[in-house]
Amino acid sequence: MEKTYSLDIHPRTHILALAMSMKEQLATEVGWFTIKNSLDHITIFEFNATEKGIEKIKNQISKACDTQSI
């Protein structure tokens, strides 16, 4: 059976902490901020895959990440 997955990029931990602090401050000042507890990320794309297919995709993504320089 296929499931829906998404490929996301998450910032480093110290950037996430800074963003969470800023969202909390905004929520305090305006009285609400509906996504203040969400983990910051950028979704690259969503796709459907089977259990067998997701393993192949994870391997391909890992190989691509290992060959890219920052």
C-alpha atoms as a PDB file:
ATOM      1  CA  MET A   1       0.000   0.000   0.000  1.00  0.00           C
ATOM      2  CA  GLU A   2       1.272   3.451  -0.862  1.00  0.00           C
ATOM      3  CA  LYS A   3       1.631   6.191   1.722  1.00  0.00           C
ATOM      4  CA  THR A   4       2.250   9.910   1.270  1.00  0.00           C
ATOM      5  CA  TYR A   5       5.689  11.219   2.265  1.00  0.00           C
ATOM      6  CA  SER A   6       7.367  14.603   2.090  1.00  0.00           C
ATOM      7  CA  LEU A   7      10.994  15.624   1.723  1.00  0.00           C
ATOM      8  CA  ASP A   8      11.767  18.489   4.107  1.00  0.00           C
ATOM      9  CA  ILE A   9      14.792  20.564   4.988  1.00  0.00           C
ATOM     10  CA  HIS A  10      15.181  21.529   8.640  1.00  0.00           C
ATOM     11  CA  PRO A  11      17.518  24.257   9.892  1.00  0.00           C
ATOM     12  CA  ARG A  12      20.228  23.466  12.412  1.00  0.00           C
ATOM     13  CA  THR A  13      19.245  23.197  16.071  1.00  0.00           C
ATOM     14  CA  HIS A  14      20.435  26.664  17.123  1.00  0.00           C
ATOM     15  CA  ILE A  15      18.476  28.258  14.262  1.00  0.00           C
ATOM     16  CA  LEU A  16      15.362  26.291  15.233  1.00  0.00           C
ATOM     17  CA  ALA A  17      15.715  27.508  18.821  1.00  0.00           C
ATOM     18  CA  LEU A  18      16.027  31.115  17.649  1.00  0.00           C
ATOM     19  CA  ALA A  19      12.959  30.788  15.418  1.00  0.00           C
ATOM     20  CA  MET A  20      10.924  29.214  18.238  1.00  0.00           C
ATOM     21  CA  SER A  21      11.907  32.075  20.535  1.00  0.00           C
ATOM     22  CA  MET A  22      10.876  34.653  17.940  1.00  0.00           C
ATOM     23  CA  LYS A  23       7.525  32.924  17.357  1.00  0.00           C
ATOM     24  CA  GLU A  24       6.875  32.776  21.103  1.00  0.00           C
ATOM     25  CA  GLN A  25       7.651  36.491  21.405  1.00  0.00           C
ATOM     26  CA  LEU A  26       5.295  37.289  18.521  1.00  0.00           C
ATOM     27  CA  ALA A  27       2.526  35.196  20.091  1.00  0.00           C
ATOM     28  CA  THR A  28       2.987  37.031  23.390  1.00  0.00           C
ATOM     29  CA  GLU A  29       2.840  40.451  21.736  1.00  0.00           C
ATOM     30  CA  VAL A  30      -0.152  39.845  19.450  1.00  0.00           C
ATOM     31  CA  GLY A  31      -1.974  37.403  21.725  1.00  0.00           C
ATOM     32  CA  TRP A  32      -1.972  34.516  19.248  1.00  0.00           C
ATOM     33  CA  PHE A  33       0.159  32.808  16.639  1.00  0.00           C
ATOM     34  CA  THR A  34      -1.359  29.546  15.472  1.00  0.00           C
ATOM     35  CA  ILE A  35       1.874  27.928  14.262  1.00  0.00           C
ATOM     36  CA  LYS A  36       4.074  28.948  17.173  1.00  0.00           C
ATOM     37  CA  ASN A  37       4.667  25.305  18.181  1.00  0.00           C
ATOM     38  CA  SER A  38       5.365  23.978  14.689  1.00  0.00           C
ATOM     39  CA  LEU A  39       8.860  22.898  13.726  1.00  0.00           C
ATOM     40  CA  ASP A  40      10.285  25.218  11.078  1.00  0.00           C
ATOM     41  CA  HIS A  41      11.077  23.536   7.785  1.00  0.00           C
ATOM     42  CA  ILE A  42      10.902  23.856   4.023  1.00  0.00           C
ATOM     43  CA  THR A  43       8.995  21.142   2.190  1.00  0.00           C
ATOM     44  CA  ILE A  44      10.718  20.313  -1.088  1.00  0.00           C
ATOM     45  CA  PHE A  45       8.043  17.962  -2.415  1.00  0.00           C
ATOM     46  CA  GLU A  46       5.490  15.328  -1.464  1.00  0.00           C
ATOM     47  CA  PHE A  47       5.227  11.904  -3.059  1.00  0.00           C
ATOM     48  CA  ASN A  48       3.559   8.523  -2.715  1.00  0.00           C
ATOM     49  CA  ALA A  49       5.562   5.339  -2.227  1.00  0.00           C
ATOM     50  CA  THR A  50       5.275   1.793  -0.962  1.00  0.00           C
ATOM     51  CA  GLU A  51       7.370   0.498   1.947  1.00  0.00           C
ATOM     52  CA  LYS A  52       9.806  -1.039  -0.548  1.00  0.00           C
ATOM     53  CA  GLY A  53       9.834   2.108  -2.667  1.00  0.00           C
ATOM     54  CA  ILE A  54      10.545   4.449   0.253  1.00  0.00           C
ATOM     55  CA  GLU A  55      13.717   2.517   1.093  1.00  0.00           C
ATOM     56  CA  LYS A  56      15.003   3.005  -2.462  1.00  0.00           C
ATOM     57  CA  ILE A  57      14.160   6.707  -2.335  1.00  0.00           C
ATOM     58  CA  LYS A  58      15.886   7.135   1.046  1.00  0.00           C
ATOM     59  CA  ASN A  59      19.018   5.487  -0.333  1.00  0.00           C
ATOM     60  CA  GLN A  60      19.002   7.739  -3.404  1.00  0.00           C
ATOM     61  CA  ILE A  61      18.579  10.869  -1.259  1.00  0.00           C
ATOM     62  CA  SER A  62      21.386   9.746   1.072  1.00  0.00           C
ATOM     63  CA  LYS A  63      23.719   9.177  -1.879  1.00  0.00           C
ATOM     64  CA  ALA A  64      22.867  12.583  -3.335  1.00  0.00           C
ATOM     65  CA  CYS A  65      23.489  14.301   0.009  1.00  0.00           C
ATOM     66  CA  ASP A  66      26.801  12.498   0.488  1.00  0.00           C
ATOM     67  CA  THR A  67      28.089  13.724  -2.878  1.00  0.00           C
ATOM     68  CA  GLN A  68      27.113  17.389  -2.461  1.00  0.00           C
ATOM     69  CA  SER A  69      29.492  19.882  -0.882  1.00  0.00           C
ATOM     70  CA  ILE A  70      28.215  22.714   1.272  1.00  0.00           C
END
